[in-house]
N, C-alpha and C. Protein backbone atom coordinates (compact mmCIF):
# COMPACT_ATOMS: atom_id res chain seq x y z
N MET A 1 -4.82 -4.04 -6.57
CA MET A 1 -4.25 -4.93 -7.36
C MET A 1 -2.72 -4.91 -7.51
N VAL A 2 -2.14 -6.13 -7.11
CA VAL A 2 -0.68 -6.39 -6.96
C VAL A 2 0.07 -6.04 -8.26
N GLY A 3 1.09 -5.36 -8.01
CA GLY A 3 2.12 -5.14 -8.82
C GLY A 3 1.88 -4.00 -9.59
N TYR A 4 0.79 -3.12 -9.45
CA TYR A 4 0.45 -1.80 -10.22
C TYR A 4 0.83 -0.56 -9.33
N GLY A 5 1.18 0.36 -9.86
CA GLY A 5 1.19 1.57 -8.94
C GLY A 5 2.37 1.73 -8.14
N GLU A 6 2.47 2.59 -7.40
CA GLU A 6 3.95 2.90 -6.44
C GLU A 6 3.45 2.05 -5.09
N LYS A 7 2.32 1.92 -4.45
CA LYS A 7 2.06 1.43 -3.34
C LYS A 7 1.03 0.22 -3.36
N TYR A 8 1.47 -0.99 -4.04
CA TYR A 8 0.57 -2.11 -4.05
C TYR A 8 0.92 -2.89 -2.80
N PRO A 9 0.10 -3.90 -2.70
CA PRO A 9 0.26 -4.99 -1.31
C PRO A 9 1.55 -5.76 -1.83
N GLN A 10 2.35 -5.78 -0.72
CA GLN A 10 3.61 -6.44 -0.89
C GLN A 10 3.73 -7.81 0.00
N ARG A 11 2.86 -7.84 1.03
CA ARG A 11 2.96 -9.04 1.86
C ARG A 11 1.52 -9.80 1.75
N ILE A 12 1.26 -10.42 0.59
CA ILE A 12 0.21 -11.13 0.31
C ILE A 12 -0.05 -12.54 1.15
N HIS A 13 -1.20 -12.72 1.59
CA HIS A 13 -1.37 -14.06 2.62
C HIS A 13 -1.50 -15.12 1.25
N ASN A 14 -0.29 -15.69 0.99
CA ASN A 14 -0.14 -16.75 0.02
C ASN A 14 1.22 -17.25 -0.02
N ARG A 15 1.04 -18.58 0.43
CA ARG A 15 2.49 -19.31 0.83
C ARG A 15 3.26 -19.39 -0.39
N GLY A 16 2.84 -19.58 -1.82
CA GLY A 16 3.72 -19.63 -2.83
C GLY A 16 4.42 -18.27 -3.11
N SER A 17 3.85 -17.13 -2.74
CA SER A 17 4.21 -15.87 -3.06
C SER A 17 5.20 -15.60 -1.80
N SER A 18 5.17 -16.07 -0.71
CA SER A 18 5.89 -15.82 0.27
C SER A 18 7.39 -16.56 0.46
N LEU A 19 7.15 -17.56 -0.25
CA LEU A 19 8.59 -18.53 -0.30
C LEU A 19 9.44 -18.10 -1.34
N PRO A 20 10.76 -18.43 -0.97
CA PRO A 20 11.81 -17.78 -2.20
C PRO A 20 11.74 -19.32 -3.26
N SER A 21 11.99 -18.91 -4.50
CA SER A 21 11.87 -19.67 -5.54
C SER A 21 13.30 -20.59 -5.58
N LEU A 22 13.32 -21.67 -6.20
CA LEU A 22 14.50 -22.60 -6.27
C LEU A 22 15.76 -21.75 -6.80
N GLN A 23 15.55 -20.62 -7.44
CA GLN A 23 16.77 -20.00 -8.04
C GLN A 23 17.28 -19.05 -6.82
N GLN A 24 16.37 -18.77 -5.92
CA GLN A 24 16.94 -17.87 -4.75
C GLN A 24 17.47 -18.69 -3.72
N LYS A 25 16.86 -20.11 -3.38
CA LYS A 25 17.29 -20.62 -2.36
C LYS A 25 17.25 -22.17 -2.61
N SER A 26 18.39 -22.65 -2.92
CA SER A 26 18.40 -24.14 -3.53
C SER A 26 18.20 -25.13 -2.57
N GLU A 27 18.59 -24.89 -1.23
CA GLU A 27 18.38 -25.89 -0.23
C GLU A 27 17.01 -26.20 0.18
N PRO A 28 16.66 -27.47 0.37
CA PRO A 28 15.35 -27.71 0.70
C PRO A 28 15.06 -27.19 2.04
N PHE A 29 13.74 -26.99 2.52
CA PHE A 29 13.21 -26.44 3.78
C PHE A 29 11.79 -27.03 3.91
N GLY A 30 11.65 -27.40 5.19
CA GLY A 30 10.21 -28.02 5.53
C GLY A 30 9.12 -26.86 5.77
N CYS A 31 8.04 -27.48 5.77
CA CYS A 31 6.87 -26.58 6.11
C CYS A 31 6.91 -25.77 7.17
N GLY A 32 7.52 -26.34 8.32
CA GLY A 32 7.80 -25.45 9.60
C GLY A 32 8.64 -24.37 9.47
N ASP A 33 9.74 -24.88 8.85
CA ASP A 33 10.72 -23.89 8.49
C ASP A 33 10.29 -22.48 7.73
N ALA A 34 9.27 -22.90 6.78
CA ALA A 34 9.07 -22.06 5.64
C ALA A 34 7.97 -21.10 6.46
N PHE A 35 7.29 -21.48 7.50
CA PHE A 35 6.49 -20.61 8.20
C PHE A 35 7.27 -19.72 8.90
N GLN A 36 8.20 -20.20 9.90
CA GLN A 36 9.02 -19.48 10.61
C GLN A 36 9.87 -18.37 10.17
N SER A 37 10.60 -18.82 8.75
CA SER A 37 11.41 -18.07 8.10
C SER A 37 10.95 -17.02 7.33
N TYR A 38 9.83 -17.44 6.55
CA TYR A 38 9.34 -16.61 5.63
C TYR A 38 7.94 -16.01 5.76
N TYR A 39 6.97 -16.87 6.13
CA TYR A 39 5.52 -16.35 6.34
C TYR A 39 5.41 -15.46 7.45
N TYR A 40 6.06 -15.74 8.54
CA TYR A 40 6.07 -14.84 9.81
C TYR A 40 7.16 -13.70 9.75
N THR A 41 7.46 -13.27 8.72
CA THR A 41 8.29 -12.04 8.75
C THR A 41 7.56 -10.86 7.98
N SER A 42 8.13 -9.81 8.37
CA SER A 42 7.43 -8.44 7.86
C SER A 42 8.06 -8.09 6.56
N GLU A 43 9.08 -8.75 5.97
CA GLU A 43 9.66 -8.52 4.72
C GLU A 43 8.52 -8.67 3.54
N PRO A 44 8.67 -7.93 2.44
CA PRO A 44 7.86 -8.25 1.34
C PRO A 44 7.94 -9.62 0.82
N ASN A 45 6.77 -10.08 0.34
CA ASN A 45 6.94 -11.21 -0.51
C ASN A 45 8.16 -11.36 -1.48
N THR A 46 8.78 -12.61 -1.72
CA THR A 46 10.01 -12.78 -2.75
C THR A 46 9.50 -12.82 -4.01
N ASN A 47 7.86 -13.50 -4.03
CA ASN A 47 7.48 -13.51 -5.40
C ASN A 47 6.24 -12.62 -5.52
N ILE A 48 6.12 -11.76 -6.58
CA ILE A 48 5.23 -10.79 -6.76
C ILE A 48 4.04 -11.48 -7.54
N LEU A 49 2.86 -11.66 -6.86
CA LEU A 49 1.49 -12.03 -7.73
C LEU A 49 0.95 -10.94 -8.38
N ILE A 50 1.58 -10.79 -9.61
CA ILE A 50 1.09 -9.47 -10.46
C ILE A 50 -0.41 -9.79 -10.82
N ARG A 51 -1.04 -8.75 -10.83
CA ARG A 51 -2.53 -8.72 -11.29
C ARG A 51 -3.37 -9.42 -10.16
N ALA A 52 -2.94 -9.98 -9.00
CA ALA A 52 -3.80 -10.58 -8.07
C ALA A 52 -4.75 -9.56 -7.47
N VAL A 53 -5.91 -9.79 -7.26
CA VAL A 53 -6.69 -8.77 -6.57
C VAL A 53 -6.93 -9.24 -5.24
N VAL A 54 -6.52 -8.46 -4.21
CA VAL A 54 -6.63 -8.94 -2.64
C VAL A 54 -8.05 -8.41 -2.12
N GLY A 55 -8.19 -8.65 -0.85
CA GLY A 55 -9.31 -8.05 -0.27
C GLY A 55 -9.62 -6.44 -0.20
N GLY A 56 -8.40 -5.68 -0.18
CA GLY A 56 -8.67 -4.46 -0.22
C GLY A 56 -8.92 -3.64 1.20
N PRO A 57 -9.23 -2.36 1.26
CA PRO A 57 -9.28 -1.63 2.42
C PRO A 57 -10.51 -2.07 3.24
N ASN A 58 -10.34 -1.71 4.55
CA ASN A 58 -11.57 -2.08 5.39
C ASN A 58 -12.67 -1.08 5.31
N HIS A 59 -13.48 -0.89 6.21
CA HIS A 59 -14.68 -0.07 6.26
C HIS A 59 -14.31 1.44 6.66
N GLU A 60 -13.05 1.68 7.00
CA GLU A 60 -12.49 2.89 7.25
C GLU A 60 -11.52 3.35 6.15
N ASP A 61 -11.41 2.56 5.15
CA ASP A 61 -10.50 2.81 3.94
C ASP A 61 -9.02 2.95 4.41
N GLU A 62 -8.75 1.99 5.28
CA GLU A 62 -7.49 1.68 5.71
C GLU A 62 -7.16 0.26 5.22
N PHE A 63 -5.77 0.20 4.68
CA PHE A 63 -5.30 -1.10 4.32
C PHE A 63 -4.03 -1.26 5.10
N TYR A 64 -3.96 -2.46 5.86
CA TYR A 64 -2.79 -3.17 6.38
C TYR A 64 -2.09 -4.21 5.74
N ASP A 65 -0.97 -3.72 5.31
CA ASP A 65 -0.14 -4.73 4.29
C ASP A 65 0.54 -5.72 5.22
N ASP A 66 -0.34 -6.84 5.78
CA ASP A 66 0.29 -7.81 6.79
C ASP A 66 -0.25 -9.15 6.26
N ARG A 67 0.63 -10.17 6.17
CA ARG A 67 0.14 -11.55 5.87
C ARG A 67 -0.77 -12.18 6.85
N ASP A 68 -0.70 -11.64 8.12
CA ASP A 68 -1.65 -12.27 8.82
C ASP A 68 -3.24 -11.78 8.81
N ASN A 69 -3.14 -10.73 8.17
CA ASN A 69 -4.50 -9.84 8.04
C ASN A 69 -5.29 -10.48 6.59
N TYR A 70 -5.45 -11.76 6.58
CA TYR A 70 -5.79 -12.36 5.35
C TYR A 70 -7.13 -11.69 4.83
N ALA A 71 -7.94 -11.09 5.79
CA ALA A 71 -9.17 -10.48 5.23
C ALA A 71 -8.88 -9.42 3.96
N GLN A 72 -7.95 -8.76 4.34
CA GLN A 72 -7.33 -7.70 3.46
C GLN A 72 -6.23 -7.86 2.36
N SER A 73 -5.37 -8.95 2.96
CA SER A 73 -4.37 -9.37 1.97
C SER A 73 -4.31 -10.70 1.15
N GLU A 74 -5.52 -11.44 1.01
CA GLU A 74 -5.72 -12.64 0.51
C GLU A 74 -6.28 -12.56 -0.71
N GLN A 75 -5.85 -13.07 -1.84
CA GLN A 75 -6.50 -13.10 -3.08
C GLN A 75 -7.34 -14.49 -3.18
N ALA A 76 -8.49 -14.51 -3.65
CA ALA A 76 -9.37 -15.25 -3.61
C ALA A 76 -10.37 -15.13 -4.74
N THR A 77 -10.98 -16.14 -5.38
CA THR A 77 -12.14 -16.12 -6.27
C THR A 77 -13.23 -15.29 -5.85
N TYR A 78 -13.59 -15.40 -4.60
CA TYR A 78 -14.78 -14.46 -4.21
C TYR A 78 -14.50 -13.10 -4.07
N ILE A 79 -13.24 -12.87 -3.93
CA ILE A 79 -12.91 -11.32 -4.06
C ILE A 79 -12.84 -10.80 -5.55
N ASN A 80 -12.52 -11.63 -6.39
CA ASN A 80 -12.28 -11.16 -7.73
C ASN A 80 -13.44 -11.44 -8.69
N ALA A 81 -14.37 -12.17 -8.18
CA ALA A 81 -15.84 -12.27 -8.74
C ALA A 81 -16.45 -10.94 -9.11
N PRO A 82 -16.77 -10.21 -8.22
CA PRO A 82 -17.55 -8.76 -8.49
C PRO A 82 -16.62 -8.12 -9.52
N LEU A 83 -15.48 -7.93 -9.58
CA LEU A 83 -14.49 -7.23 -10.61
C LEU A 83 -14.76 -7.74 -11.91
N VAL A 84 -14.72 -9.14 -11.85
CA VAL A 84 -14.98 -9.82 -13.29
C VAL A 84 -16.09 -9.54 -13.72
N GLY A 85 -17.24 -9.79 -12.89
CA GLY A 85 -18.57 -9.73 -13.44
C GLY A 85 -18.77 -8.24 -13.88
N SER A 86 -18.34 -7.24 -13.17
CA SER A 86 -18.74 -5.91 -13.45
C SER A 86 -17.95 -5.43 -14.79
N LEU A 87 -16.73 -5.86 -15.07
CA LEU A 87 -16.10 -5.80 -16.19
C LEU A 87 -16.56 -6.52 -17.49
N ALA A 88 -17.28 -7.80 -17.37
CA ALA A 88 -17.96 -8.45 -18.29
C ALA A 88 -19.31 -7.81 -18.59
N SER A 89 -19.83 -7.09 -17.72
CA SER A 89 -21.08 -6.48 -17.93
C SER A 89 -20.85 -5.12 -18.89
N LEU A 90 -19.68 -4.55 -18.38
CA LEU A 90 -19.28 -3.41 -19.23
C LEU A 90 -18.93 -3.70 -20.66
N ALA A 91 -18.21 -4.83 -20.77
CA ALA A 91 -17.81 -5.17 -22.00
C ALA A 91 -18.84 -5.53 -22.98
N SER A 92 -19.84 -6.33 -22.41
CA SER A 92 -20.97 -6.75 -23.31
C SER A 92 -22.04 -5.59 -23.57
N THR A 93 -22.01 -4.59 -22.79
CA THR A 93 -22.84 -3.48 -23.14
C THR A 93 -22.16 -2.13 -23.80
N SER A 94 -20.80 -2.23 -24.17
CA SER A 94 -20.09 -1.20 -24.79
C SER A 94 -20.24 -1.31 -26.26
N GLY A 95 -20.85 -2.25 -26.93
CA GLY A 95 -21.11 -2.30 -28.27
C GLY A 95 -20.04 -2.75 -29.05
N SER A 96 -18.94 -3.31 -28.50
CA SER A 96 -17.84 -3.86 -29.20
C SER A 96 -17.56 -5.08 -29.17
């Protein structure tokens, strides 16, 4: 989960998260410039997607924090659905 703990994912496969905000960079830039300057860098994303759940570790329990590794670093509804379903089940059976 992004933003929690000491070692959370910092290079999320997400264009909005990897681009600087208008407060950080007020000059306009095109789509091609954004990919070359921000998306294809090894620097952490400038905008942290707090609470985003990403793909997670591979079958050998390894996680490569790399934007190009979308299988592990992308947040998407199909990744979040099992977590949300499990938590909803626990909430409905906890008696509260």
